[in-house]
Structures are given as C-alpha cells and as structure tokens.
Amino acid sequence: MAAPVVQTLAQVMTDLNPAYAGQQAVNQQQQAAVPVKYDAQRTALTAEKGQGFNAINNQAVNRGGSFSGVPIDEQATYLSTKYLPGMQAANTQQNADQLALQGDAAKLSTEQANNALGIVQKQNSDLNSWNMQQDQLTASAREAALNRAASAAESAANRAASRETQVTPAQNASAALSAKTGEDGFVSQGTYGAVKQQWIISGYGTAGDFDNMFAGYRNPKNNQYKLG
C-alpha cells in the first residue's frame, strides 16, 4: 500500500475551484445588477421631481403667484421631503446590498479555504497514521527476527549441551566393567562376557571391536573370556 499523498493548500484550492466557481459567478452577476437597480430608482425619482416641479409651477400660475417666490419655496420643500430623502435611501440601500453581496462572496472564499485546509489536515493525518503503521510493522518484523535468532541460538546451545552430556556406548561399557573390577584390576569372565553381550545386542559393534577397546579388563592369565 502506497503512502497517502499530501497536497499543498494551493493545490487543494485549485481542485475545489469548480465547486465554488458557479456560486461566485452568480454573486458577481448580482453585484453588477445592484447599481442598475438603484440607477433606475434614481432615474424615477428625478423624473418624479420634474413632474412635481411642473405641478408646482402650474399651480402657482393658476394662483397668479408665479413670480412671488412661492414656487421656489414649494420646490425646496419637495426636494427636502421627497426627492433628496428618496435619493439618499436609494444610495444607502445600494451600498447595503453591495456590502451584503460582498460579504457573501467573502464567506464563499472563506468556506473554500476552510474546506481546503480540512482536506490537507486529513491528508496529513492519514499520512501520519500510515507512517505509524509502517513503524509498527517494521518493529514487529524486527522483534520476530530477534525472536527467531534467539530461538535458534537456544536450540543450538541445547544441542551442544546434549552432545556434551550424552554418554557414549564406550563410556557405558567402561563404567559397567569398572564397577565390577576386582582388586587385581580385572573383571571376572562372567562380567566381561555379559557386558560384551550387551554391547553386541545394542548394536554398538562386534565382539572384536569390544575386545580391542576393553581387553585391558581381562586377566591375561585367563584366555577363556567369552560372551558370558
């Protein structure tokens, strides 16, 4: 299993761009439409102002006061109570709408950045977990190798100890003869023959082999030593 890939934040941001591009495009279109919307309102207010001024002038003419300054006062009142507040309201609302849409755009950018950061952190976490797993596997393999080596060494030591403590057939025969040796340093005919017979039955060798090895236990004055 290959190690998990960890991307840079810029790489993940690029990967996420298609998911956010559509929303950002809509937001930009909405921002572009805001001035158009409020320009239309301001145009309507200006048109209404012209109509209002005409109505004021017509009323003044009908009253015969077109040159008395009354229309100017009424126009000023119209401007202060209707036109200018309407224009100010349009400007304020336009700024508010633009700020709200800019805030939405900023939220999208922040969301994309946070998602990208989360992905990179997850990739780093996956890599750390993978590295820990590899370290554990390496440690387990090393421990298993050490255990095998220790077991092999112990087995070898046991085999060596077994060989060292193993009594050979010659040692067995020699011990049996030594146990029956008389004061003269020799064994009786019967003892010699019995040990020799056990030697042959056990498959340790021939009668000749036995005599060659243990002839020293026979009294040379007596050549009648047999199997017993």
C-alpha atoms as a PDB file:
ATOM      1  CA  MET A   1       0.000   0.000   0.000  1.00  0.00           C
ATOM      2  CA  ALA A   2       1.481   3.309  -1.105  1.00  0.00           C
ATOM      3  CA  ALA A   3       1.846   6.228   1.286  1.00  0.00           C
ATOM      4  CA  PRO A   4      -1.092   8.710   1.266  1.00  0.00           C
ATOM      5  CA  VAL A   5      -0.474  11.844  -0.815  1.00  0.00           C
ATOM      6  CA  VAL A   6      -0.416  15.216   0.953  1.00  0.00           C
ATOM      7  CA  GLN A   7      -1.223  18.168  -1.310  1.00  0.00           C
ATOM      8  CA  THR A   8      -0.374  21.806  -0.772  1.00  0.00           C
ATOM      9  CA  LEU A   9      -3.162  24.166   0.237  1.00  0.00           C
ATOM     10  CA  ALA A  10      -2.933  25.876  -3.177  1.00  0.00           C
ATOM     11  CA  GLN A  11      -3.382  22.533  -4.966  1.00  0.00           C
ATOM     12  CA  VAL A  12      -6.497  21.689  -2.971  1.00  0.00           C
ATOM     13  CA  MET A  13      -7.896  25.203  -3.504  1.00  0.00           C
ATOM     14  CA  THR A  14      -7.467  24.683  -7.251  1.00  0.00           C
ATOM     15  CA  ASP A  15      -9.223  21.314  -7.014  1.00  0.00           C
ATOM     16  CA  LEU A  16     -12.155  22.971  -5.215  1.00  0.00           C
ATOM     17  CA  ASN A  17     -12.455  25.885  -7.658  1.00  0.00           C
ATOM     18  CA  PRO A  18     -15.030  24.154  -9.915  1.00  0.00           C
ATOM     19  CA  ALA A  19     -17.321  23.572  -6.937  1.00  0.00           C
ATOM     20  CA  TYR A  20     -17.319  27.259  -5.989  1.00  0.00           C
ATOM     21  CA  ALA A  21     -16.891  28.939  -9.391  1.00  0.00           C
ATOM     22  CA  GLY A  22     -20.616  28.811 -10.186  1.00  0.00           C
ATOM     23  CA  GLN A  23     -21.628  30.397  -6.869  1.00  0.00           C
ATOM     24  CA  GLN A  24     -19.016  33.127  -7.205  1.00  0.00           C
ATOM     25  CA  ALA A  25     -20.157  33.846 -10.768  1.00  0.00           C
ATOM     26  CA  VAL A  26     -23.762  34.266  -9.593  1.00  0.00           C
ATOM     27  CA  ASN A  27     -22.590  36.555  -6.800  1.00  0.00           C
ATOM     28  CA  GLN A  28     -20.646  38.716  -9.258  1.00  0.00           C
ATOM     29  CA  GLN A  29     -23.702  38.975 -11.501  1.00  0.00           C
ATOM     30  CA  GLN A  30     -25.801  40.037  -8.523  1.00  0.00           C
ATOM     31  CA  GLN A  31     -23.245  42.678  -7.555  1.00  0.00           C
ATOM     32  CA  ALA A  32     -23.201  44.015 -11.121  1.00  0.00           C
ATOM     33  CA  ALA A  33     -27.006  44.259 -11.106  1.00  0.00           C
ATOM     34  CA  VAL A  34     -27.166  46.356  -7.921  1.00  0.00           C
ATOM     35  CA  PRO A  35     -26.151  49.733  -9.455  1.00  0.00           C
ATOM     36  CA  VAL A  36     -28.502  49.140 -12.383  1.00  0.00           C
ATOM     37  CA  LYS A  37     -31.394  48.530  -9.983  1.00  0.00           C
ATOM     38  CA  TYR A  38     -30.819  51.703  -7.993  1.00  0.00           C
ATOM     39  CA  ASP A  39     -29.937  53.798 -11.023  1.00  0.00           C
ATOM     40  CA  ALA A  40     -33.451  53.005 -12.217  1.00  0.00           C
ATOM     41  CA  GLN A  41     -34.851  54.165  -8.887  1.00  0.00           C
ATOM     42  CA  ARG A  42     -32.840  57.386  -9.040  1.00  0.00           C
ATOM     43  CA  THR A  43     -33.964  57.972 -12.605  1.00  0.00           C
ATOM     44  CA  ALA A  44     -37.568  57.505 -11.481  1.00  0.00           C
ATOM     45  CA  LEU A  45     -37.067  59.939  -8.602  1.00  0.00           C
ATOM     46  CA  THR A  46     -35.560  62.526 -10.956  1.00  0.00           C
ATOM     47  CA  ALA A  47     -38.479  62.098 -13.319  1.00  0.00           C
ATOM     48  CA  GLU A  48     -40.902  62.464 -10.434  1.00  0.00           C
ATOM     49  CA  LYS A  49     -39.058  65.614  -9.364  1.00  0.00           C
ATOM     50  CA  GLY A  50     -39.536  67.143 -12.793  1.00  0.00           C
ATOM     51  CA  GLN A  51     -43.205  66.282 -12.736  1.00  0.00           C
ATOM     52  CA  GLY A  52     -43.522  67.676  -9.216  1.00  0.00           C
ATOM     53  CA  PHE A  53     -41.848  70.934 -10.167  1.00  0.00           C
ATOM     54  CA  ASN A  54     -44.132  71.272 -13.195  1.00  0.00           C
ATOM     55  CA  ALA A  55     -47.158  70.694 -10.991  1.00  0.00           C
ATOM     56  CA  ILE A  56     -45.931  73.302  -8.513  1.00  0.00           C
ATOM     57  CA  ASN A  57     -45.350  75.815 -11.284  1.00  0.00           C
ATOM     58  CA  ASN A  58     -48.741  75.149 -12.838  1.00  0.00           C
ATOM     59  CA  GLN A  59     -50.447  75.598  -9.511  1.00  0.00           C
ATOM     60  CA  ALA A  60     -48.579  78.855  -8.946  1.00  0.00           C
ATOM     61  CA  VAL A  61     -49.609  80.149 -12.390  1.00  0.00           C
ATOM     62  CA  ASN A  62     -53.197  79.253 -11.676  1.00  0.00           C
ATOM     63  CA  ARG A  63     -52.960  81.139  -8.443  1.00  0.00           C
ATOM     64  CA  GLY A  64     -51.239  84.037 -10.138  1.00  0.00           C
ATOM     65  CA  GLY A  65     -48.187  83.744  -7.964  1.00  0.00           C
ATOM     66  CA  SER A  66     -45.599  82.529 -10.433  1.00  0.00           C
ATOM     67  CA  PHE A  67     -43.347  85.487  -9.695  1.00  0.00           C
ATOM     68  CA  SER A  68     -43.966  85.711  -5.965  1.00  0.00           C
ATOM     69  CA  GLY A  69     -41.312  83.166  -4.981  1.00  0.00           C
ATOM     70  CA  VAL A  70     -43.871  80.663  -3.798  1.00  0.00           C
ATOM     71  CA  PRO A  71     -42.877  78.006  -6.411  1.00  0.00           C
ATOM     72  CA  ILE A  72     -39.262  78.154  -5.251  1.00  0.00           C
ATOM     73  CA  ASP A  73     -40.254  77.554  -1.666  1.00  0.00           C
ATOM     74  CA  GLU A  74     -42.554  74.674  -2.635  1.00  0.00           C
ATOM     75  CA  GLN A  75     -39.819  73.202  -4.833  1.00  0.00           C
ATOM     76  CA  ALA A  76     -37.363  73.379  -1.916  1.00  0.00           C
ATOM     77  CA  THR A  77     -39.897  71.668   0.283  1.00  0.00           C
ATOM     78  CA  TYR A  78     -40.403  68.974  -2.344  1.00  0.00           C
ATOM     79  CA  LEU A  79     -36.666  68.435  -2.604  1.00  0.00           C
ATOM     80  CA  SER A  80     -36.177  68.154   1.153  1.00  0.00           C
ATOM     81  CA  THR A  81     -39.176  65.935   1.845  1.00  0.00           C
ATOM     82  CA  LYS A  82     -39.369  63.656  -1.198  1.00  0.00           C
ATOM     83  CA  TYR A  83     -36.584  63.837  -3.748  1.00  0.00           C
ATOM     84  CA  LEU A  84     -33.456  64.060  -1.618  1.00  0.00           C
ATOM     85  CA  PRO A  85     -34.626  61.519   1.002  1.00  0.00           C
ATOM     86  CA  GLY A  86     -35.569  59.178  -1.840  1.00  0.00           C
ATOM     87  CA  MET A  87     -32.138  59.584  -3.450  1.00  0.00           C
ATOM     88  CA  GLN A  88     -30.402  59.083  -0.106  1.00  0.00           C
ATOM     89  CA  ALA A  89     -32.468  55.989   0.608  1.00  0.00           C
ATOM     90  CA  ALA A  90     -31.592  54.549  -2.818  1.00  0.00           C
ATOM     91  CA  ASN A  91     -27.878  55.238  -2.289  1.00  0.00           C
ATOM     92  CA  THR A  92     -27.930  53.761   1.226  1.00  0.00           C
ATOM     93  CA  GLN A  93     -29.790  50.647   0.139  1.00  0.00           C
ATOM     94  CA  GLN A  94     -27.454  50.197  -2.833  1.00  0.00           C
ATOM     95  CA  ASN A  95     -24.430  50.309  -0.531  1.00  0.00           C
ATOM     96  CA  ALA A  96     -26.113  47.880   1.866  1.00  0.00           C
ATOM     97  CA  ASP A  97     -26.933  45.423  -0.926  1.00  0.00           C
ATOM     98  CA  GLN A  98     -23.420  45.638  -2.328  1.00  0.00           C
ATOM     99  CA  LEU A  99     -21.863  45.081   1.111  1.00  0.00           C
ATOM    100  CA  ALA A 100     -24.146  42.094   1.725  1.00  0.00           C
ATOM    101  CA  LEU A 101     -23.208  40.512  -1.596  1.00  0.00           C
ATOM    102  CA  GLN A 102     -19.523  41.221  -0.995  1.00  0.00           C
ATOM    103  CA  GLY A 103     -19.928  39.546   2.391  1.00  0.00           C
ATOM    104  CA  ASP A 104     -21.492  36.507   0.703  1.00  0.00           C
ATOM    105  CA  ALA A 105     -18.531  36.359  -1.693  1.00  0.00           C
ATOM    106  CA  ALA A 106     -16.105  36.575   1.221  1.00  0.00           C
ATOM    107  CA  LYS A 107     -17.984  33.773   3.022  1.00  0.00           C
ATOM    108  CA  LEU A 108     -17.690  31.571  -0.060  1.00  0.00           C
ATOM    109  CA  SER A 109     -13.944  32.240  -0.257  1.00  0.00           C
ATOM    110  CA  THR A 110     -13.570  31.515   3.471  1.00  0.00           C
ATOM    111  CA  GLU A 111     -15.608  28.329   3.154  1.00  0.00           C
ATOM    112  CA  GLN A 112     -13.452  27.162   0.250  1.00  0.00           C
ATOM    113  CA  ALA A 113     -10.256  27.934   2.171  1.00  0.00           C
ATOM    114  CA  ASN A 114     -11.527  26.150   5.299  1.00  0.00           C
ATOM    115  CA  ASN A 115     -12.562  23.096   3.287  1.00  0.00           C
ATOM    116  CA  ALA A 116      -9.168  23.040   1.580  1.00  0.00           C
ATOM    117  CA  LEU A 117      -7.405  23.325   4.953  1.00  0.00           C
ATOM    118  CA  GLY A 118      -9.548  20.494   6.330  1.00  0.00           C
ATOM    119  CA  ILE A 119      -8.649  18.278   3.377  1.00  0.00           C
ATOM    120  CA  VAL A 120      -4.921  18.970   3.799  1.00  0.00           C
ATOM    121  CA  GLN A 121      -5.157  18.272   7.541  1.00  0.00           C
ATOM    122  CA  LYS A 122      -6.972  14.992   6.808  1.00  0.00           C
ATOM    123  CA  GLN A 123      -4.274  14.038   4.299  1.00  0.00           C
ATOM    124  CA  ASN A 124      -1.566  14.793   6.876  1.00  0.00           C
ATOM    125  CA  SER A 125      -3.439  12.744   9.485  1.00  0.00           C
ATOM    126  CA  ASP A 126      -3.728   9.826   7.058  1.00  0.00           C
ATOM    127  CA  LEU A 127      -0.003  10.052   6.293  1.00  0.00           C
ATOM    128  CA  ASN A 128       0.882  10.133   9.991  1.00  0.00           C
ATOM    129  CA  SER A 129      -1.305   7.071  10.617  1.00  0.00           C
ATOM    130  CA  TRP A 130       0.323   5.275   7.671  1.00  0.00           C
ATOM    131  CA  ASN A 131       3.809   6.117   8.955  1.00  0.00           C
ATOM    132  CA  MET A 132       2.910   4.836  12.431  1.00  0.00           C
ATOM    133  CA  GLN A 133       1.572   1.626  10.914  1.00  0.00           C
ATOM    134  CA  GLN A 134       4.763   1.162   8.904  1.00  0.00           C
ATOM    135  CA  ASP A 135       6.845   1.771  12.038  1.00  0.00           C
ATOM    136  CA  GLN A 136       4.805  -0.839  13.903  1.00  0.00           C
ATOM    137  CA  LEU A 137       5.211  -3.345  11.071  1.00  0.00           C
ATOM    138  CA  THR A 138       8.958  -2.699  10.990  1.00  0.00           C
ATOM    139  CA  ALA A 139       9.213  -3.066  14.770  1.00  0.00           C
ATOM    140  CA  SER A 140       7.165  -6.275  14.684  1.00  0.00           C
ATOM    141  CA  ALA A 141       9.339  -7.715  11.913  1.00  0.00           C
ATOM    142  CA  ARG A 142      12.500  -6.772  13.821  1.00  0.00           C
ATOM    143  CA  GLU A 143      11.147  -8.354  17.024  1.00  0.00           C
ATOM    144  CA  ALA A 144      10.159 -11.514  15.146  1.00  0.00           C
ATOM    145  CA  ALA A 145      13.647 -11.735  13.622  1.00  0.00           C
ATOM    146  CA  LEU A 146      15.251 -11.294  17.033  1.00  0.00           C
ATOM    147  CA  ASN A 147      12.964 -13.969  18.494  1.00  0.00           C
ATOM    148  CA  ARG A 148      13.851 -16.377  15.692  1.00  0.00           C
ATOM    149  CA  ALA A 149      17.552 -15.709  16.201  1.00  0.00           C
ATOM    150  CA  ALA A 150      17.243 -16.204  19.968  1.00  0.00           C
ATOM    151  CA  SER A 151      15.273 -19.420  19.474  1.00  0.00           C
ATOM    152  CA  ALA A 152      17.845 -20.734  17.002  1.00  0.00           C
ATOM    153  CA  ALA A 153      20.675 -19.874  19.384  1.00  0.00           C
ATOM    154  CA  GLU A 154      18.886 -21.583  22.267  1.00  0.00           C
ATOM    155  CA  SER A 155      18.270 -24.690  20.163  1.00  0.00           C
ATOM    156  CA  ALA A 156      21.911 -24.785  19.116  1.00  0.00           C
ATOM    157  CA  ALA A 157      23.021 -24.403  22.735  1.00  0.00           C
ATOM    158  CA  ASN A 158      20.678 -27.194  23.806  1.00  0.00           C
ATOM    159  CA  ARG A 159      22.005 -29.483  21.091  1.00  0.00           C
ATOM    160  CA  ALA A 160      25.575 -28.700  22.099  1.00  0.00           C
ATOM    161  CA  ALA A 161      24.776 -29.312  25.760  1.00  0.00           C
ATOM    162  CA  SER A 162      23.066 -32.571  24.842  1.00  0.00           C
ATOM    163  CA  ARG A 163      26.107 -33.708  22.918  1.00  0.00           C
ATOM    164  CA  GLU A 164      28.359 -32.781  25.823  1.00  0.00           C
ATOM    165  CA  THR A 165      26.286 -34.669  28.364  1.00  0.00           C
ATOM    166  CA  GLN A 166      25.488 -37.673  26.172  1.00  0.00           C
ATOM    167  CA  VAL A 167      27.150 -40.852  27.421  1.00  0.00           C
ATOM    168  CA  THR A 168      28.765 -42.864  24.642  1.00  0.00           C
ATOM    169  CA  PRO A 169      28.450 -46.657  24.376  1.00  0.00           C
ATOM    170  CA  ALA A 170      32.165 -46.966  25.183  1.00  0.00           C
ATOM    171  CA  GLN A 171      31.649 -44.895  28.351  1.00  0.00           C
ATOM    172  CA  ASN A 172      28.703 -47.091  29.374  1.00  0.00           C
ATOM    173  CA  ALA A 173      30.671 -50.275  28.818  1.00  0.00           C
ATOM    174  CA  SER A 174      33.724 -48.882  30.579  1.00  0.00           C
ATOM    175  CA  ALA A 175      31.599 -47.852  33.569  1.00  0.00           C
ATOM    176  CA  ALA A 176      29.986 -51.290  33.759  1.00  0.00           C
ATOM    177  CA  LEU A 177      33.362 -53.007  33.684  1.00  0.00           C
ATOM    178  CA  SER A 178      34.948 -50.572  36.150  1.00  0.00           C
ATOM    179  CA  ALA A 179      32.139 -51.208  38.620  1.00  0.00           C
ATOM    180  CA  LYS A 180      32.993 -54.940  38.639  1.00  0.00           C
ATOM    181  CA  THR A 181      36.783 -54.668  38.638  1.00  0.00           C
ATOM    182  CA  GLY A 182      38.426 -56.705  41.339  1.00  0.00           C
ATOM    183  CA  GLU A 183      41.416 -55.890  43.497  1.00  0.00           C
ATOM    184  CA  ASP A 184      43.652 -57.249  40.796  1.00  0.00           C
ATOM    185  CA  GLY A 185      42.293 -54.661  38.353  1.00  0.00           C
ATOM    186  CA  PHE A 186      40.458 -57.212  36.210  1.00  0.00           C
ATOM    187  CA  VAL A 187      36.844 -58.388  35.887  1.00  0.00           C
ATOM    188  CA  SER A 188      35.554 -61.906  36.004  1.00  0.00           C
ATOM    189  CA  GLN A 189      34.898 -63.947  32.913  1.00  0.00           C
ATOM    190  CA  GLY A 190      31.139 -63.724  33.515  1.00  0.00           C
ATOM    191  CA  THR A 191      31.145 -59.922  33.893  1.00  0.00           C
ATOM    192  CA  TYR A 192      33.275 -59.405  30.829  1.00  0.00           C
ATOM    193  CA  GLY A 193      31.094 -61.723  28.753  1.00  0.00           C
ATOM    194  CA  ALA A 194      27.840 -60.104  29.973  1.00  0.00           C
ATOM    195  CA  VAL A 195      28.986 -56.578  29.144  1.00  0.00           C
ATOM    196  CA  LYS A 196      30.270 -57.738  25.779  1.00  0.00           C
ATOM    197  CA  GLN A 197      26.958 -59.431  25.027  1.00  0.00           C
ATOM    198  CA  GLN A 198      25.046 -56.213  25.848  1.00  0.00           C
ATOM    199  CA  TRP A 199      27.448 -54.319  23.600  1.00  0.00           C
ATOM    200  CA  ILE A 200      26.746 -56.603  20.657  1.00  0.00           C
ATOM    201  CA  ILE A 201      22.950 -56.752  21.244  1.00  0.00           C
ATOM    202  CA  SER A 202      22.798 -52.933  21.412  1.00  0.00           C
ATOM    203  CA  GLY A 203      24.465 -52.745  18.020  1.00  0.00           C
ATOM    204  CA  TYR A 204      27.480 -50.828  19.269  1.00  0.00           C
ATOM    205  CA  GLY A 205      29.898 -53.057  17.364  1.00  0.00           C
ATOM    206  CA  THR A 206      31.294 -56.545  17.035  1.00  0.00           C
ATOM    207  CA  ALA A 207      32.895 -58.775  19.658  1.00  0.00           C
ATOM    208  CA  GLY A 208      36.235 -57.910  18.099  1.00  0.00           C
ATOM    209  CA  ASP A 209      35.551 -54.210  18.467  1.00  0.00           C
ATOM    210  CA  PHE A 210      34.733 -54.761  22.134  1.00  0.00           C
ATOM    211  CA  ASP A 211      37.893 -56.792  22.758  1.00  0.00           C
ATOM    212  CA  ASN A 212      40.022 -54.181  21.030  1.00  0.00           C
ATOM    213  CA  MET A 213      38.640 -51.474  23.309  1.00  0.00           C
ATOM    214  CA  PHE A 214      38.308 -53.285  26.644  1.00  0.00           C
ATOM    215  CA  ALA A 215      40.851 -56.087  26.559  1.00  0.00           C
ATOM    216  CA  GLY A 216      42.622 -54.339  29.437  1.00  0.00           C
ATOM    217  CA  TYR A 217      39.878 -55.513  31.817  1.00  0.00           C
ATOM    218  CA  ARG A 218      40.686 -59.196  31.103  1.00  0.00           C
ATOM    219  CA  ASN A 219      43.204 -61.062  33.185  1.00  0.00           C
ATOM    220  CA  PRO A 220      45.894 -62.073  30.684  1.00  0.00           C
ATOM    221  CA  LYS A 221      46.396 -65.300  32.639  1.00  0.00           C
ATOM    222  CA  ASN A 222      42.911 -66.393  31.608  1.00  0.00           C
ATOM    223  CA  ASN A 223      42.155 -66.544  27.892  1.00  0.00           C
ATOM    224  CA  GLN A 224      38.693 -68.068  28.344  1.00  0.00           C
ATOM    225  CA  TYR A 225      36.745 -64.756  28.406  1.00  0.00           C
ATOM    226  CA  LYS A 226      33.648 -65.295  26.326  1.00  0.00           C
ATOM    227  CA  LEU A 227      30.277 -63.685  25.833  1.00  0.00           C
ATOM    228  CA  GLY A 228      29.235 -64.976  29.156  1.00  0.00           C
END
